[in-house]
Protein backbone atom coordinates (compact mmCIF):
# COMPACT_ATOMS: atom_id res chain seq x y z
CA UNK A 1 -37.20 -42.63 2.36
CA UNK A 2 -37.33 -44.36 -0.98
CA UNK A 3 -34.70 -43.23 -3.72
CA UNK A 4 -37.34 -42.10 -6.03
CA UNK A 5 -38.80 -39.79 -3.39
CA UNK A 6 -35.41 -38.56 -2.59
CA UNK A 7 -34.83 -37.61 -6.07
CA UNK A 8 -38.16 -36.02 -6.35
CA UNK A 9 -37.65 -33.94 -3.37
CA UNK A 10 -34.31 -32.86 -4.39
CA UNK A 11 -35.64 -31.64 -7.74
CA UNK A 12 -38.15 -29.92 -6.18
CA UNK A 13 -36.06 -27.99 -3.75
CA UNK A 14 -33.97 -27.13 -6.96
CA UNK A 15 -37.00 -25.71 -8.71
CA UNK A 16 -37.97 -23.66 -5.62
CA UNK A 17 -34.44 -22.13 -5.17
CA UNK A 18 -34.12 -21.48 -9.03
CA UNK A 19 -37.45 -19.73 -8.75
CA UNK A 20 -36.37 -17.54 -5.62
CA UNK A 21 -33.13 -16.78 -7.48
CA UNK A 22 -35.22 -15.55 -10.53
CA UNK A 23 -37.42 -13.37 -8.61
CA UNK A 24 -34.80 -11.85 -6.79
CA UNK A 25 -32.68 -11.06 -9.88
CA UNK A 26 -35.73 -9.41 -11.32
CA UNK A 27 -36.36 -7.43 -8.30
CA UNK A 28 -32.74 -6.30 -8.01
CA UNK A 29 -32.71 -5.56 -12.10
CA UNK A 30 -35.76 -3.39 -11.54
CA UNK A 31 -34.21 -1.55 -8.89
CA UNK A 32 -30.90 -0.92 -10.80
CA UNK A 33 -32.96 0.30 -13.58
CA UNK A 34 -34.72 2.76 -11.55
CA UNK A 35 -31.33 4.01 -9.84
CA UNK A 36 -29.60 4.09 -13.22
CA UNK A 37 -32.15 6.50 -14.67
CA UNK A 38 -31.50 8.87 -11.83
CA UNK A 39 -27.66 8.72 -11.98
CA UNK A 40 -25.40 11.04 -13.80
CA UNK A 41 -21.67 10.88 -14.58
CA UNK A 42 -19.37 12.90 -12.37
CA UNK A 43 -16.82 14.83 -14.56
CA UNK A 44 -13.10 15.04 -13.71
CA UNK A 45 -12.21 18.47 -12.18
CA UNK A 46 -8.72 18.68 -13.74
CA UNK A 47 -7.30 17.70 -16.81
CA UNK A 48 -5.99 14.46 -17.34
CA UNK A 49 -2.57 14.68 -18.11
CA UNK A 50 -0.59 11.13 -17.46
CA UNK A 51 1.95 11.25 -20.14
CA UNK A 52 4.48 8.76 -20.10
CA UNK A 53 3.03 6.56 -17.15
CA UNK A 54 1.94 3.01 -17.94
CA UNK A 55 -1.44 1.70 -17.53
CA UNK A 56 -2.80 -1.95 -18.01
CA UNK A 57 -6.44 -2.93 -18.65
CA UNK A 58 -7.54 -6.26 -18.88
CA UNK A 59 -9.98 -6.81 -21.82
CA UNK A 60 -10.11 -3.54 -23.57
CA UNK A 61 -10.88 -4.88 -27.09
CA UNK A 62 -14.54 -4.05 -27.03
CA UNK A 63 -17.38 -2.45 -25.12
CA UNK A 64 -16.97 -0.70 -21.91
CA UNK A 65 -13.08 -1.79 -21.82
CA UNK A 66 -12.64 -0.19 -25.15
CA UNK A 67 -13.96 3.23 -24.52
CA UNK A 68 -11.97 2.92 -20.95
CA UNK A 69 -8.83 2.42 -23.06
CA UNK A 70 -9.60 5.24 -25.29
CA UNK A 71 -9.80 7.56 -22.25
CA UNK A 72 -6.43 5.98 -20.71
CA UNK A 73 -4.85 6.67 -24.33
CA UNK A 74 -6.30 10.25 -24.33
CA UNK A 75 -4.74 11.04 -21.20
CA UNK A 76 -1.34 10.53 -22.60
CA UNK A 77 -0.83 7.01 -20.59
CA UNK A 78 1.25 4.46 -22.51
CA UNK A 79 -1.59 1.65 -22.49
CA UNK A 80 -0.99 -2.11 -22.26
CA UNK A 81 -4.25 -4.00 -23.36
CA UNK A 82 -4.35 -7.75 -22.17
CA UNK A 83 -6.71 -9.89 -24.10
CA UNK A 84 -6.86 -13.19 -25.82
CA UNK A 85 -4.85 -13.84 -29.15
CA UNK A 86 -7.28 -14.37 -32.21
CA UNK A 87 -10.62 -12.75 -32.57
CA UNK A 88 -10.16 -10.48 -29.48
CA UNK A 89 -6.83 -9.18 -30.56
CA UNK A 90 -8.20 -8.52 -34.09
CA UNK A 91 -11.50 -6.77 -32.47
CA UNK A 92 -8.85 -4.50 -30.59
CA UNK A 93 -7.00 -3.12 -33.56
CA UNK A 94 -10.23 -3.02 -35.91
CA UNK A 95 -11.82 -0.73 -33.26
CA UNK A 96 -8.72 1.37 -32.83
CA UNK A 97 -8.75 1.88 -36.57
CA UNK A 98 -12.28 2.66 -36.57
CA UNK A 99 -11.85 5.12 -33.76
CA UNK A 100 -8.97 6.82 -35.84
CA UNK A 101 -6.28 5.82 -32.98
CA UNK A 102 -2.83 4.69 -34.50
CA UNK A 103 -2.37 1.12 -33.82
CA UNK A 104 1.00 1.51 -32.41
CA UNK A 105 -0.36 3.87 -29.53
CA UNK A 106 -1.79 0.84 -27.80
CA UNK A 107 0.43 -2.36 -26.99
CA UNK A 108 -1.25 -5.75 -27.08
CA UNK A 109 -0.06 -8.65 -24.80
CA UNK A 110 -1.67 -11.96 -25.08
CA UNK A 111 -3.88 -12.78 -21.67
CA UNK A 112 -6.28 -15.35 -21.25
CA UNK A 113 -7.67 -14.81 -17.63
CA UNK A 114 -9.21 -18.40 -17.84
CA UNK A 115 -5.65 -19.81 -17.71
CA UNK A 116 -3.48 -19.25 -14.67
CA UNK A 117 -0.38 -20.05 -16.88
CA UNK A 118 -1.52 -17.27 -19.34
CA UNK A 119 -1.85 -14.73 -16.38
CA UNK A 120 1.68 -15.76 -15.09
CA UNK A 121 3.07 -15.32 -18.74
CA UNK A 122 1.58 -11.99 -19.14
CA UNK A 123 2.81 -10.59 -15.79
CA UNK A 124 6.28 -11.84 -16.69
CA UNK A 125 6.27 -10.21 -20.02
CA UNK A 126 5.48 -6.91 -18.16
CA UNK A 127 7.68 -7.33 -14.94
CA UNK A 128 10.63 -8.42 -17.35
CA UNK A 129 10.52 -4.87 -18.81
CA UNK A 130 11.00 -3.31 -15.47
CA UNK A 131 8.41 -0.50 -16.27
CA UNK A 132 6.39 1.07 -13.42
CA UNK A 133 2.80 0.68 -13.45
CA UNK A 134 0.61 3.63 -12.41
CA UNK A 135 -2.78 1.95 -13.23
CA UNK A 136 -4.24 -1.50 -13.41
CA UNK A 137 -7.76 -1.85 -14.36
CA UNK A 138 -9.39 -5.07 -13.81
CA UNK A 139 -11.92 -5.25 -16.29
CA UNK A 140 -12.37 -8.34 -18.43
CA UNK A 141 -15.31 -10.65 -17.52
CA UNK A 142 -17.48 -13.32 -18.92
CA UNK A 143 -21.25 -13.26 -17.88
CA UNK A 144 -24.12 -15.73 -17.37
CA UNK A 145 -22.18 -18.68 -18.99
CA UNK A 146 -23.24 -22.18 -18.89
CA UNK A 147 -21.34 -24.42 -16.45
CA UNK A 148 -17.88 -25.22 -17.55
CA UNK A 149 -14.35 -25.72 -15.94
CA UNK A 150 -11.04 -24.04 -17.07
CA UNK A 151 -8.05 -26.02 -17.92
CA UNK A 152 -6.85 -25.63 -14.24
CA UNK A 153 -10.23 -27.25 -13.14
CA UNK A 154 -11.81 -24.13 -11.70
CA UNK A 155 -15.70 -22.79 -12.77
CA UNK A 156 -14.94 -20.35 -15.51
CA UNK A 157 -16.80 -17.45 -14.43
CA UNK A 158 -15.21 -17.50 -10.92
CA UNK A 159 -12.01 -18.10 -12.50
CA UNK A 160 -11.96 -15.35 -15.11
CA UNK A 161 -13.79 -12.68 -13.23
CA UNK A 162 -12.11 -13.05 -9.78
CA UNK A 163 -9.25 -15.53 -9.60
CA UNK A 164 -7.38 -14.40 -12.74
CA UNK A 165 -7.49 -10.75 -11.62
CA UNK A 166 -6.41 -11.68 -8.09
CA UNK A 167 -3.41 -13.39 -9.41
CA UNK A 168 -2.60 -10.55 -11.78
CA UNK A 169 -2.73 -7.92 -9.21
CA UNK A 170 -0.56 -10.13 -6.91
CA UNK A 171 1.90 -10.58 -9.55
CA UNK A 172 2.17 -6.88 -10.69
CA UNK A 173 1.87 -5.23 -7.26
CA UNK A 174 5.63 -4.56 -7.13
CA UNK A 175 5.58 -2.58 -10.34
CA UNK A 176 2.48 -0.70 -9.03
CA UNK A 177 4.43 -0.06 -5.83
CA UNK A 178 7.59 1.08 -7.85
CA UNK A 179 5.20 3.79 -9.93
CA UNK A 180 3.51 5.10 -6.73
CA UNK A 181 6.99 5.95 -5.19
CA UNK A 182 7.98 8.18 -8.01
CA UNK A 183 4.76 9.94 -9.43
CA UNK A 184 2.42 12.78 -8.15
CA UNK A 185 -0.23 10.47 -6.90
CA UNK A 186 -0.31 6.72 -5.69
CA UNK A 187 -0.75 4.07 -8.27
CA UNK A 188 -4.25 2.71 -8.37
CA UNK A 189 -6.03 -0.48 -8.91
CA UNK A 190 -9.61 -0.26 -10.10
CA UNK A 191 -11.59 -3.45 -10.10
CA UNK A 192 -14.62 -3.29 -12.48
CA UNK A 193 -17.19 -5.03 -10.19
CA UNK A 194 -20.99 -5.15 -10.26
CA UNK A 195 -24.08 -4.47 -8.38
CA UNK A 196 -24.95 -8.12 -9.22
CA UNK A 197 -22.81 -9.04 -6.26
CA UNK A 198 -26.06 -8.23 -4.19
CA UNK A 199 -27.36 -11.46 -5.57
CA UNK A 200 -24.43 -13.48 -4.80
CA UNK A 201 -23.44 -15.80 -1.85
CA UNK A 202 -20.17 -17.49 -1.21
CA UNK A 203 -19.94 -21.33 -0.67
CA UNK A 204 -16.38 -21.46 0.59
CA UNK A 205 -16.45 -25.21 0.59
CA UNK A 206 -17.63 -25.47 -2.98
CA UNK A 207 -16.15 -22.34 -5.01
CA UNK A 208 -16.35 -24.47 -8.18
CA UNK A 209 -20.29 -24.94 -7.81
CA UNK A 210 -20.00 -28.57 -8.23
CA UNK A 211 -23.10 -29.23 -6.00
CA UNK A 212 -25.26 -26.49 -7.48
CA UNK A 213 -24.89 -24.25 -10.54
CA UNK A 214 -26.86 -21.26 -11.45
CA UNK A 215 -25.12 -18.96 -14.33
CA UNK A 216 -26.84 -15.88 -12.51
CA UNK A 217 -25.55 -16.73 -9.13
CA UNK A 218 -22.12 -17.86 -10.31
CA UNK A 219 -21.71 -14.47 -12.15
CA UNK A 220 -22.87 -12.68 -8.77
CA UNK A 221 -20.45 -14.79 -6.70
CA UNK A 222 -17.45 -13.92 -8.71
CA UNK A 223 -18.18 -10.19 -8.40
CA UNK A 224 -19.09 -10.41 -4.88
CA UNK A 225 -15.63 -11.98 -4.41
CA UNK A 226 -14.21 -9.37 -6.35
CA UNK A 227 -15.60 -6.71 -3.93
CA UNK A 228 -14.25 -8.67 -0.95
CA UNK A 229 -10.88 -8.96 -2.61
CA UNK A 230 -10.73 -4.85 -3.10
CA UNK A 231 -11.61 -4.57 0.73
CA UNK A 232 -9.05 -6.95 1.91
CA UNK A 233 -6.34 -5.43 -0.62
CA UNK A 234 -6.98 -2.00 0.67
CA UNK A 235 -6.36 -3.49 4.35
CA UNK A 236 -2.99 -4.95 3.18
CA UNK A 237 -1.81 -1.93 1.33
CA UNK A 238 -2.70 0.25 4.14
CA UNK A 239 -0.82 -1.97 6.64
CA UNK A 240 2.35 -1.90 4.71
CA UNK A 241 2.14 1.83 3.67
CA UNK A 242 2.42 0.91 0.06
CA UNK A 243 1.73 4.03 -2.35
CA UNK A 244 -1.03 2.11 -4.03
CA UNK A 245 -4.91 2.73 -3.75
CA UNK A 246 -7.75 0.12 -4.81
CA UNK A 247 -11.33 0.79 -5.78
CA UNK A 248 -14.17 -1.30 -6.92
CA UNK A 249 -16.57 0.23 -9.11
CA UNK A 250 -20.09 -0.63 -10.64
CA UNK A 251 -20.07 1.22 -13.75
CA UNK A 252 -23.89 1.23 -14.27
CA UNK A 253 -26.44 -0.95 -16.16
CA UNK A 254 -25.20 -0.51 -19.69
CA UNK A 255 -26.52 -0.99 -23.13
CA UNK A 256 -24.55 -3.78 -24.35
CA UNK A 257 -24.25 -6.89 -26.37
CA UNK A 258 -23.70 -8.66 -23.00
CA UNK A 259 -27.10 -9.69 -22.82
CA UNK A 260 -27.47 -11.07 -26.54
CA UNK A 261 -27.85 -14.54 -25.46
CA UNK A 262 -30.40 -14.11 -22.64
CA UNK A 263 -33.84 -14.06 -24.39
CA UNK A 264 -35.90 -12.51 -21.44
CA UNK A 265 -33.17 -9.87 -20.72
CA UNK A 266 -33.17 -9.13 -24.54
CA UNK A 267 -36.95 -8.56 -24.53
CA UNK A 268 -36.77 -6.41 -21.32
CA UNK A 269 -33.99 -4.18 -22.74
CA UNK A 270 -36.03 -3.39 -25.76
CA UNK A 271 -38.82 -2.01 -23.33
CA UNK A 272 -36.73 -0.01 -20.81
CA UNK A 273 -33.20 0.11 -22.60
CA UNK A 274 -33.72 4.09 -22.91
CA UNK A 275 -32.88 4.11 -19.11
CA UNK A 276 -29.61 2.55 -19.46
CA UNK A 277 -26.32 4.27 -20.23
CA UNK A 278 -24.29 3.88 -23.23
CA UNK A 279 -20.88 2.29 -23.03
CA UNK A 280 -18.94 5.53 -23.53
CA UNK A 281 -20.72 6.96 -20.70
CA UNK A 282 -20.20 4.15 -18.26
CA UNK A 283 -16.57 4.18 -19.47
CA UNK A 284 -16.33 7.87 -17.91
CA UNK A 285 -17.24 6.37 -14.41
CA UNK A 286 -14.53 3.98 -14.65
CA UNK A 287 -12.13 6.64 -15.54
CA UNK A 288 -13.18 8.93 -12.98
CA UNK A 289 -12.38 6.15 -10.37
CA UNK A 290 -9.01 5.88 -12.03
CA UNK A 291 -8.03 9.37 -12.33
CA UNK A 292 -9.98 11.62 -9.98
CA UNK A 293 -7.90 13.40 -7.11
CA UNK A 294 -11.01 13.46 -5.26
CA UNK A 295 -10.72 9.89 -4.34
CA UNK A 296 -7.31 9.75 -3.22
CA UNK A 297 -8.64 9.19 0.55
CA UNK A 298 -11.24 6.75 -0.68
CA UNK A 299 -9.29 3.62 -1.36
CA UNK A 300 -10.91 0.35 -0.46
CA UNK A 301 -14.38 1.85 -1.21
CA UNK A 302 -17.17 0.56 -3.41
CA UNK A 303 -18.63 2.96 -6.10
CA UNK A 304 -21.94 2.45 -7.84
CA UNK A 305 -21.87 4.91 -10.58
CA UNK A 306 -19.65 7.57 -9.22
CA UNK A 307 -21.12 7.43 -5.75
CA UNK A 308 -19.60 5.51 -2.66
CA UNK A 309 -22.06 2.97 -1.75
CA UNK A 310 -22.66 0.42 0.83
CA UNK A 311 -21.51 -2.87 -0.90
CA UNK A 312 -23.09 -6.19 -0.69
CA UNK A 313 -20.15 -7.25 1.59
CA UNK A 314 -21.78 -5.18 4.21
CA UNK A 315 -24.30 -8.18 5.00
CA UNK A 316 -21.58 -10.78 5.19
CA UNK A 317 -19.89 -12.01 8.42
CA UNK A 318 -16.67 -9.84 8.63
CA UNK A 319 -14.59 -13.00 9.01
CA UNK A 320 -15.57 -13.95 5.53
CA UNK A 321 -13.17 -11.64 3.63
CA UNK A 322 -10.27 -13.20 5.45
CA UNK A 323 -11.55 -16.78 4.76
CA UNK A 324 -11.93 -15.84 1.11
CA UNK A 325 -8.46 -14.18 1.07
CA UNK A 326 -6.98 -17.48 2.65
CA UNK A 327 -9.02 -19.78 0.29
CA UNK A 328 -7.66 -18.01 -3.01
CA UNK A 329 -4.21 -18.07 -1.66
CA UNK A 330 -4.15 -21.78 -1.38
CA UNK A 331 -6.04 -22.16 -4.76
CA UNK A 332 -3.52 -20.15 -6.52
CA UNK A 333 -0.31 -21.16 -4.48
CA UNK A 334 0.50 -17.90 -3.29
CA UNK A 335 2.60 -17.57 -0.04
CA UNK A 336 2.53 -13.91 0.66
CA UNK A 337 0.47 -11.30 -1.64
CA UNK A 338 2.62 -9.05 -3.61
CA UNK A 339 5.83 -10.98 -2.94
CA UNK A 340 7.18 -12.50 -6.11
């Protein structure tokens, strides 16, 4: 086969695959819109009074994360928001001021999930204070970004959405265990995932997507990895009898500026945007997962809205969880999860 023909065939395969991805993405989006129109928000059945307990949320400066942060603050928790210095920090305190929340009621610590050193520094600041952490919400994310590598040489969506949170959870687990020993309920880890995980697949030999990159697939892969992590984490917590529960939640299809850079998504939202949930409503779903005593025995589950749902991982080989777990340990140079 000549070089020109080989190049032509490769280009044709890429075109067909991109077309397949787009069709599948549109189908899944339409399905999600229909389901979202039928979903409600399940209220908490008991008052949220978590005074003097500590919660950490990644992001939290805007959108879904900010409204989740407001719910944490309203419950009486001492909230630590981890987001980047500069514009993100400024946005956090501007939004707090607009909401009428005292700036000193939320603590900010610099966290850039695209940098493993930043994640380690954030965790060190927290652990050096020796405070028990009752709740960790892995919320921050990037979405549909062009191909790019972080300073650590990692594909940025996979790094921010999955690897950064994996490392952070590993480093903070001792503080979560400590809190779980002394409070009424076990500590909780909430992984804000996405039904986009149903579009994803895992190429364990190319997690940095060097051979093929599609921004939708990359986002979906990072969220699929997050769901797999939640399941594997639950197994480890249970095996060691740690007083910590973990959950993965798709908060819904949300009216958000996440889609501002995607022209066809913006057009679609103008047509069917009335079916989507607003960010404050979606945040109630995250808070339900974080606080509801009804979920004490549902650790490791995947929630779509407020309902336990079969995750995208159900169609994967059962060994995939362990393979990804081991590959992540190797990437992050972790010898034993939670042992720091």
